[in-house]
Amino acid sequence: MGFVTGMLAGMLRRNINPTRLLAELDINLADAASRVPLDRYASLYNLVIRELDDEGFGLFSTAMGPGSFEFLCRGMLGAPTLADGLDRARRFLCIVLPDLSVSVNRGDDRAELRICERTPLARDPNDPARVFAFEWLLRLLHSLSCWLVGRGLSLDSVDFPFARPVHADDYTLVYTARSHFVDGPQLTARFNATLLDLPIRRDEAALSAFLEGAPGRISMLYRRDRNTVIRVRDLIRDALPDSLTQDEAADRLHMSPRTLHRRLEEEGSSFRGIKEALRRDIALARLTKTRQPISQVAAELGYADTSAFYRAFTGWTGMSPERYRKQLSTTALPGNGLEPDRDDPPHAD
């Protein structure tokens, strides 16, 4: 839900109530544990842009006029390689998004994509609007690059210039498990330098089809939870309350533990990261939507004792399970009462 609240930050800055848009898509911000399905997230993306007449979500000092995303795509499309395409993107964004600068620095083996504030986006570096601005632009450039070369491009690590947000566990699915949070004005994403030599494979016909539903559609492309991550997540969930090991998961997927580790690493994830993210999602959903005792939730998630669950939950949310449930009961919107037990929510943003 953190990506949704960040997307709405520009509307709130302008004192525009997003309730109508959220109701249209059946999105309830009070249900912090829920995951918005990707198609509805993409629709909200487009609705917010249409409402503000700004493809930058009202987050910047200068609005990005409608059509900016299309011209970004067209500019990169004619480049011979990804390196040339990203350089074109850098120059175009310098015109339409002057608050941020984009650069690509290449070394012998590694390359870095840097997004730096030229103008502070907020007084508080952890302001949701600032956080989402960096999240959004990295995702935009990364997903568009993947689409243009016709394959997923793994990010080795990313330094985000803000404190770890509540929804940081989802970065494993969207960016990489190796996400770090640092002070300063600059985001740095690292990847294999040879990826810059990949040719641009898309043509005008492919772009015309791609632009249908854009720019929101970009949020549905090249998520990190691709084939291996999805399969491992499903195995871990189906095994609960037993705690599946990486060796057991590898055996069920008919591959060696080393191969499983390598494939997860290529998709920017890890077995431990997937397990913790899944447990977190289920725990938040159960505490939000059911009246299950906390000890029962802990047992069903495979924790050896309730105290271990308490420690994990406090690490995820900064508060105890009881406090989290109490806070929900005082902030929930009408009609969002506790319901009978449900399974964990589907993959979504």
Protein backbone atom coordinates (compact mmCIF):
# COMPACT_ATOMS: atom_id res chain seq x y z
CA MET A 1 0.00 0.00 0.00
CA GLY A 2 3.03 2.27 0.40
CA PHE A 3 3.34 2.69 -3.38
CA VAL A 4 -0.32 3.78 -3.52
CA THR A 5 -0.07 6.38 -0.75
CA GLY A 6 3.08 7.75 -2.36
CA MET A 7 1.35 8.07 -5.70
CA LEU A 8 -1.44 10.09 -4.06
CA ALA A 9 0.93 12.43 -2.20
CA GLY A 10 0.87 15.05 -4.96
CA MET A 11 -2.93 15.17 -4.93
CA LEU A 12 -2.95 15.66 -1.17
CA ARG A 13 -0.37 18.45 -1.48
CA ARG A 14 -2.86 20.23 -3.74
CA ASN A 15 -5.74 19.55 -1.35
CA ILE A 16 -7.43 17.26 -3.87
CA ASN A 17 -9.36 14.44 -2.21
CA PRO A 18 -8.53 11.08 -3.87
CA THR A 19 -11.55 9.30 -2.33
CA ARG A 20 -13.49 9.24 -5.61
CA LEU A 21 -10.64 7.64 -7.54
CA LEU A 22 -10.02 5.07 -4.82
CA ALA A 23 -13.70 4.18 -4.58
CA GLU A 24 -13.89 3.76 -8.35
CA LEU A 25 -11.19 1.09 -8.12
CA ASP A 26 -12.32 -0.38 -4.78
CA ILE A 27 -9.07 0.55 -3.01
CA ASN A 28 -9.24 1.07 0.76
CA LEU A 29 -6.23 2.86 2.23
CA ALA A 30 -7.32 1.91 5.75
CA ASP A 31 -6.59 -1.74 4.94
CA ALA A 32 -2.84 -1.40 5.26
CA ALA A 33 -2.22 -5.13 4.87
CA SER A 34 -3.92 -5.46 1.49
CA ARG A 35 -2.09 -5.50 -1.83
CA VAL A 36 -3.68 -3.65 -4.70
CA PRO A 37 -3.91 -5.88 -7.81
CA LEU A 38 -1.59 -4.73 -10.57
CA ASP A 39 -4.33 -3.90 -13.05
CA ARG A 40 -6.02 -1.61 -10.53
CA TYR A 41 -2.69 -0.03 -9.60
CA ALA A 42 -2.05 0.72 -13.28
CA SER A 43 -5.56 2.17 -13.63
CA LEU A 44 -5.03 4.38 -10.58
CA TYR A 45 -1.71 5.50 -12.06
CA ASN A 46 -3.52 6.75 -15.17
CA LEU A 47 -6.44 8.25 -13.24
CA VAL A 48 -4.15 10.33 -11.00
CA ILE A 49 -2.26 11.61 -14.05
CA ARG A 50 -5.53 12.52 -15.77
CA GLU A 51 -6.88 14.22 -12.65
CA LEU A 52 -3.74 16.36 -12.25
CA ASP A 53 -2.90 16.75 -15.95
CA ASP A 54 0.62 15.87 -14.87
CA GLU A 55 2.57 12.69 -15.62
CA GLY A 56 4.76 13.50 -12.62
CA PHE A 57 1.84 13.06 -10.16
CA GLY A 58 2.11 16.64 -8.88
CA LEU A 59 5.36 15.78 -7.09
CA PHE A 60 7.66 18.26 -8.80
CA SER A 61 7.98 22.02 -9.21
CA THR A 62 7.20 21.70 -12.93
CA ALA A 63 4.40 19.51 -14.26
CA MET A 64 5.26 16.80 -16.78
CA GLY A 65 2.74 17.48 -19.50
CA PRO A 66 0.62 14.69 -21.00
CA GLY A 67 2.59 12.93 -23.71
CA SER A 68 5.92 13.13 -21.87
CA PHE A 69 6.06 9.35 -21.41
CA GLU A 70 5.30 8.72 -25.08
CA PHE A 71 8.08 11.07 -26.21
CA LEU A 72 10.48 9.46 -23.75
CA CYS A 73 9.71 6.09 -25.33
CA ARG A 74 10.03 7.43 -28.88
CA GLY A 75 13.33 9.10 -28.06
CA MET A 76 14.84 5.89 -26.69
CA LEU A 77 13.33 3.69 -29.41
CA GLY A 78 15.66 4.82 -32.19
CA ALA A 79 18.86 4.35 -30.18
CA PRO A 80 21.18 1.52 -31.25
CA THR A 81 22.01 0.31 -27.71
CA LEU A 82 20.65 0.64 -24.21
CA ALA A 83 23.53 2.96 -23.31
CA ASP A 84 22.51 5.34 -26.08
CA GLY A 85 18.84 5.01 -25.13
CA LEU A 86 19.51 5.91 -21.49
CA ASP A 87 21.59 8.89 -22.59
CA ARG A 88 18.63 10.11 -24.66
CA ALA A 89 16.38 9.58 -21.65
CA ARG A 90 18.79 11.60 -19.51
CA ARG A 91 18.67 14.56 -21.88
CA PHE A 92 14.89 14.44 -22.29
CA LEU A 93 14.24 14.22 -18.55
CA CYS A 94 16.54 17.18 -18.00
CA ILE A 95 13.96 19.22 -19.96
CA VAL A 96 10.69 17.86 -18.56
CA LEU A 97 11.87 16.99 -15.03
CA PRO A 98 14.41 19.62 -13.97
CA ASP A 99 14.13 18.81 -10.24
CA LEU A 100 16.01 15.54 -10.78
CA SER A 101 19.09 14.66 -12.83
CA VAL A 102 19.75 11.24 -14.33
CA SER A 103 23.18 9.91 -15.23
CA VAL A 104 24.80 6.58 -16.09
CA ASN A 105 28.42 5.94 -15.11
CA ARG A 106 30.19 2.90 -16.55
CA GLY A 107 33.17 1.08 -15.10
CA ASP A 108 35.05 -1.99 -16.27
CA ASP A 109 32.52 -4.48 -14.89
CA ARG A 110 29.76 -2.53 -13.18
CA ALA A 111 27.62 0.43 -14.14
CA GLU A 112 25.59 2.83 -12.03
CA LEU A 113 22.35 4.61 -12.79
CA ARG A 114 22.15 7.71 -10.60
CA ILE A 115 19.10 9.85 -9.87
CA CYS A 116 19.97 12.99 -7.96
CA GLU A 117 17.95 15.88 -6.56
CA ARG A 118 18.77 19.19 -8.18
CA THR A 119 16.06 20.85 -6.12
CA PRO A 120 14.96 19.38 -2.75
CA LEU A 121 11.62 17.64 -3.26
CA ALA A 122 10.55 18.04 0.38
CA ARG A 123 11.84 19.39 3.67
CA ASP A 124 11.64 15.95 5.21
CA PRO A 125 13.79 13.44 3.27
CA ASN A 126 11.32 10.72 4.26
CA ASP A 127 8.25 12.59 3.00
CA PRO A 128 6.06 10.06 1.09
CA ALA A 129 6.06 12.35 -1.95
CA ARG A 130 9.88 12.38 -2.09
CA VAL A 131 10.12 8.64 -1.45
CA PHE A 132 7.68 7.87 -4.24
CA ALA A 133 9.41 10.26 -6.65
CA PHE A 134 12.62 8.21 -6.45
CA GLU A 135 10.74 4.89 -6.43
CA TRP A 136 8.74 5.90 -9.49
CA LEU A 137 11.57 7.23 -11.66
CA LEU A 138 13.81 4.22 -11.00
CA ARG A 139 10.96 1.85 -11.80
CA LEU A 140 10.09 3.82 -14.92
CA LEU A 141 13.62 3.79 -16.32
CA HIS A 142 14.28 0.19 -15.31
CA SER A 143 11.02 -1.22 -16.69
CA LEU A 144 11.26 0.78 -19.90
CA SER A 145 14.85 -0.38 -20.40
CA CYS A 146 13.77 -4.01 -19.92
CA TRP A 147 10.98 -3.60 -22.47
CA LEU A 148 13.19 -1.93 -25.06
CA VAL A 149 15.82 -4.69 -25.00
CA GLY A 150 13.22 -7.46 -24.67
CA ARG A 151 14.50 -9.08 -21.47
CA GLY A 152 14.65 -8.61 -17.74
CA LEU A 153 17.62 -6.64 -16.47
CA SER A 154 18.75 -7.52 -12.96
CA LEU A 155 19.77 -4.76 -10.57
CA ASP A 156 22.67 -5.85 -8.37
CA SER A 157 21.89 -3.35 -5.60
CA VAL A 158 20.19 0.00 -5.03
CA ASP A 159 20.93 2.74 -2.51
CA PHE A 160 17.74 4.70 -1.82
CA PRO A 161 18.24 8.21 -0.31
CA PHE A 162 15.74 7.94 2.54
CA ALA A 163 15.07 5.88 5.64
CA ARG A 164 13.71 2.37 5.21
CA PRO A 165 9.96 2.76 4.50
CA VAL A 166 7.29 0.48 5.94
CA HIS A 167 6.78 -1.20 2.56
CA ALA A 168 10.51 -1.83 2.01
CA ASP A 169 10.03 -5.61 2.02
CA ASP A 170 8.24 -5.19 -1.30
CA TYR A 171 11.43 -3.81 -2.85
CA THR A 172 12.58 -7.41 -3.21
CA LEU A 173 9.71 -7.95 -5.65
CA VAL A 174 9.99 -4.65 -7.49
CA TYR A 175 13.73 -3.81 -7.50
CA THR A 176 16.15 -6.12 -5.69
CA ALA A 177 16.60 -7.78 -2.31
CA ARG A 178 19.84 -5.82 -2.02
CA SER A 179 18.17 -2.50 -1.33
CA HIS A 180 19.90 -0.14 1.10
CA PHE A 181 18.78 3.14 2.64
CA VAL A 182 21.22 6.01 2.96
CA ASP A 183 21.35 9.74 3.64
CA GLY A 184 21.87 12.23 0.86
CA PRO A 185 20.29 13.51 -2.35
CA GLN A 186 21.15 10.63 -4.68
CA LEU A 187 19.76 7.21 -5.58
CA THR A 188 22.32 4.78 -7.01
CA ALA A 189 21.33 1.57 -8.85
CA ARG A 190 24.15 -0.81 -9.79
CA PHE A 191 24.11 -3.44 -12.55
CA ASN A 192 26.35 -5.38 -14.91
CA ALA A 193 28.01 -2.95 -17.34
CA THR A 194 27.62 -5.33 -20.30
CA LEU A 195 23.86 -4.76 -20.19
CA LEU A 196 24.47 -1.28 -21.61
CA ASP A 197 25.65 -2.90 -24.86
CA LEU A 198 22.35 -4.69 -25.46
CA PRO A 199 20.61 -3.57 -28.68
CA ILE A 200 17.23 -1.86 -28.67
CA ARG A 201 14.92 -4.51 -30.15
CA ARG A 202 11.52 -2.84 -30.23
CA ASP A 203 10.11 -1.14 -33.32
CA GLU A 204 7.39 1.41 -34.07
CA ALA A 205 4.67 -1.23 -34.35
CA ALA A 206 5.57 -2.68 -30.94
CA LEU A 207 5.59 0.81 -29.43
CA SER A 208 2.12 1.60 -30.75
CA ALA A 209 0.74 -1.50 -29.01
CA PHE A 210 2.77 -0.81 -25.88
CA LEU A 211 1.41 2.73 -25.52
CA GLU A 212 -2.15 1.43 -25.16
CA GLY A 213 -2.86 1.79 -21.46
CA ALA A 214 0.33 3.78 -20.91
CA PRO A 215 1.91 5.23 -18.91
CA GLY A 216 0.27 3.19 -16.13
CA ARG A 217 0.99 -0.02 -17.98
CA ILE A 218 4.71 0.40 -17.29
CA SER A 219 4.03 -0.53 -13.66
CA MET A 220 2.88 -4.00 -14.77
CA LEU A 221 6.08 -4.85 -16.65
CA TYR A 222 9.22 -6.62 -15.50
CA ARG A 223 8.44 -6.99 -11.82
CA ARG A 224 11.08 -8.83 -9.85
CA ASP A 225 8.64 -11.57 -8.78
CA ARG A 226 9.08 -13.55 -11.98
CA ASN A 227 9.13 -17.28 -12.52
CA THR A 228 11.48 -18.64 -9.84
CA VAL A 229 10.45 -16.16 -7.14
CA ILE A 230 6.75 -16.91 -7.70
CA ARG A 231 7.33 -20.67 -7.58
CA VAL A 232 9.40 -20.45 -4.40
CA ARG A 233 6.85 -18.16 -2.74
CA ASP A 234 4.06 -20.60 -3.57
CA LEU A 235 6.04 -23.55 -2.19
CA ILE A 236 6.78 -21.74 1.07
CA ARG A 237 3.12 -20.71 1.49
CA ASP A 238 1.79 -24.20 0.70
CA ALA A 239 4.18 -25.78 3.23
CA LEU A 240 3.03 -23.62 6.17
CA PRO A 241 3.04 -24.08 9.11
CA ASP A 242 6.10 -26.20 8.32
CA SER A 243 9.18 -24.07 7.64
CA LEU A 244 10.44 -25.10 4.21
CA THR A 245 14.23 -25.00 3.77
CA GLN A 246 16.04 -23.86 0.66
CA ASP A 247 17.31 -27.40 0.03
CA GLU A 248 13.76 -28.77 0.25
CA ALA A 249 12.47 -26.09 -2.13
CA ALA A 250 15.25 -26.87 -4.60
CA ASP A 251 14.40 -30.58 -4.47
CA ARG A 252 10.71 -29.88 -5.20
CA LEU A 253 11.71 -27.65 -8.13
CA HIS A 254 14.01 -30.42 -9.46
CA MET A 255 17.16 -28.34 -9.28
CA SER A 256 20.22 -28.19 -7.07
CA PRO A 257 20.31 -25.74 -4.12
CA ARG A 258 23.14 -23.91 -5.88
CA THR A 259 21.07 -23.49 -9.06
CA LEU A 260 18.09 -22.24 -7.06
CA HIS A 261 20.30 -19.74 -5.23
CA ARG A 262 21.73 -18.51 -8.54
CA ARG A 263 18.33 -18.12 -10.22
CA LEU A 264 16.90 -16.22 -7.28
CA GLU A 265 19.98 -14.01 -7.27
CA GLU A 266 19.53 -13.33 -11.00
CA GLU A 267 15.98 -12.20 -10.28
CA GLY A 268 17.23 -9.90 -7.53
CA SER A 269 15.91 -11.98 -4.66
CA SER A 270 16.84 -14.58 -2.06
CA PHE A 271 15.15 -17.53 -0.35
CA ARG A 272 15.25 -15.81 3.04
CA GLY A 273 13.91 -12.57 1.60
CA ILE A 274 10.97 -14.32 -0.05
CA LYS A 275 10.12 -16.22 3.15
CA GLU A 276 10.20 -13.08 5.31
CA ALA A 277 8.15 -11.04 2.83
CA LEU A 278 5.53 -13.80 2.62
CA ARG A 279 5.30 -14.17 6.40
CA ARG A 280 4.95 -10.41 6.74
CA ASP A 281 2.14 -10.25 4.16
CA ILE A 282 0.19 -13.08 5.78
CA ALA A 283 0.72 -11.71 9.30
CA LEU A 284 -0.52 -8.23 8.35
CA ALA A 285 -3.51 -9.69 6.52
CA ARG A 286 -4.46 -11.95 9.44
CA LEU A 287 -4.16 -9.21 12.04
CA THR A 288 -6.13 -6.82 9.84
CA LYS A 289 -8.90 -9.09 8.64
CA THR A 290 -9.37 -11.75 11.31
CA ARG A 291 -9.76 -12.13 15.06
CA GLN A 292 -7.24 -14.94 15.29
CA PRO A 293 -5.20 -14.94 18.52
CA ILE A 294 -1.66 -13.76 17.95
CA SER A 295 -0.27 -17.06 19.21
CA GLN A 296 -2.29 -18.86 16.53
CA VAL A 297 -1.04 -16.53 13.79
CA ALA A 298 2.53 -17.16 14.93
CA ALA A 299 2.03 -20.93 14.91
CA GLU A 300 0.43 -20.95 11.46
CA LEU A 301 3.37 -18.98 10.08
CA GLY A 302 5.80 -21.60 11.35
CA TYR A 303 7.40 -19.69 14.22
CA ALA A 304 8.78 -21.94 16.90
CA ASP A 305 7.38 -19.70 19.64
CA THR A 306 5.30 -16.54 19.91
CA SER A 307 8.24 -14.45 21.11
CA ALA A 308 10.07 -15.08 17.81
CA PHE A 309 7.01 -13.83 15.95
CA TYR A 310 6.89 -10.73 18.16
CA ARG A 311 10.50 -9.91 17.34
CA ALA A 312 9.92 -10.38 13.61
CA PHE A 313 6.72 -8.34 13.60
CA THR A 314 8.31 -5.47 15.51
CA GLY A 315 11.12 -5.47 12.97
CA TRP A 316 8.60 -5.23 10.10
CA THR A 317 6.33 -2.53 11.53
CA GLY A 318 8.08 -0.92 14.47
CA MET A 319 5.30 -1.98 16.84
CA SER A 320 3.91 -5.06 18.57
CA PRO A 321 1.11 -7.12 16.99
CA GLU A 322 -1.34 -5.93 19.66
CA ARG A 323 -0.52 -2.28 19.06
CA TYR A 324 -0.82 -2.77 15.30
CA ARG A 325 -4.26 -4.37 15.64
CA LYS A 326 -5.39 -1.69 18.11
CA GLN A 327 -4.18 1.07 15.79
CA LEU A 328 -6.16 -0.44 12.93
CA SER A 329 -9.32 -0.57 15.03
CA THR A 330 -9.08 3.15 15.77
CA THR A 331 -8.25 4.25 12.20
CA ALA A 332 -10.38 1.88 10.11
CA LEU A 333 -12.95 3.42 7.85
CA PRO A 334 -16.67 2.56 8.22
CA GLY A 335 -17.47 -0.78 6.67
CA ASN A 336 -13.94 -2.08 7.06
CA GLY A 337 -14.50 -4.26 10.10
CA LEU A 338 -12.79 -7.52 10.86
CA GLU A 339 -13.89 -10.43 8.74
CA PRO A 340 -13.62 -14.23 8.87
CA ASP A 341 -10.26 -15.80 8.15
CA ARG A 342 -8.88 -15.37 4.64
CA ASP A 343 -5.74 -16.54 2.89
CA ASP A 344 -2.93 -14.12 2.22
CA PRO A 345 -3.54 -11.58 -0.55
CA PRO A 346 -2.46 -12.17 -4.16
CA HIS A 347 0.68 -10.70 -5.73
CA ALA A 348 0.17 -6.99 -6.27
CA ASP A 349 1.64 -3.62 -5.50
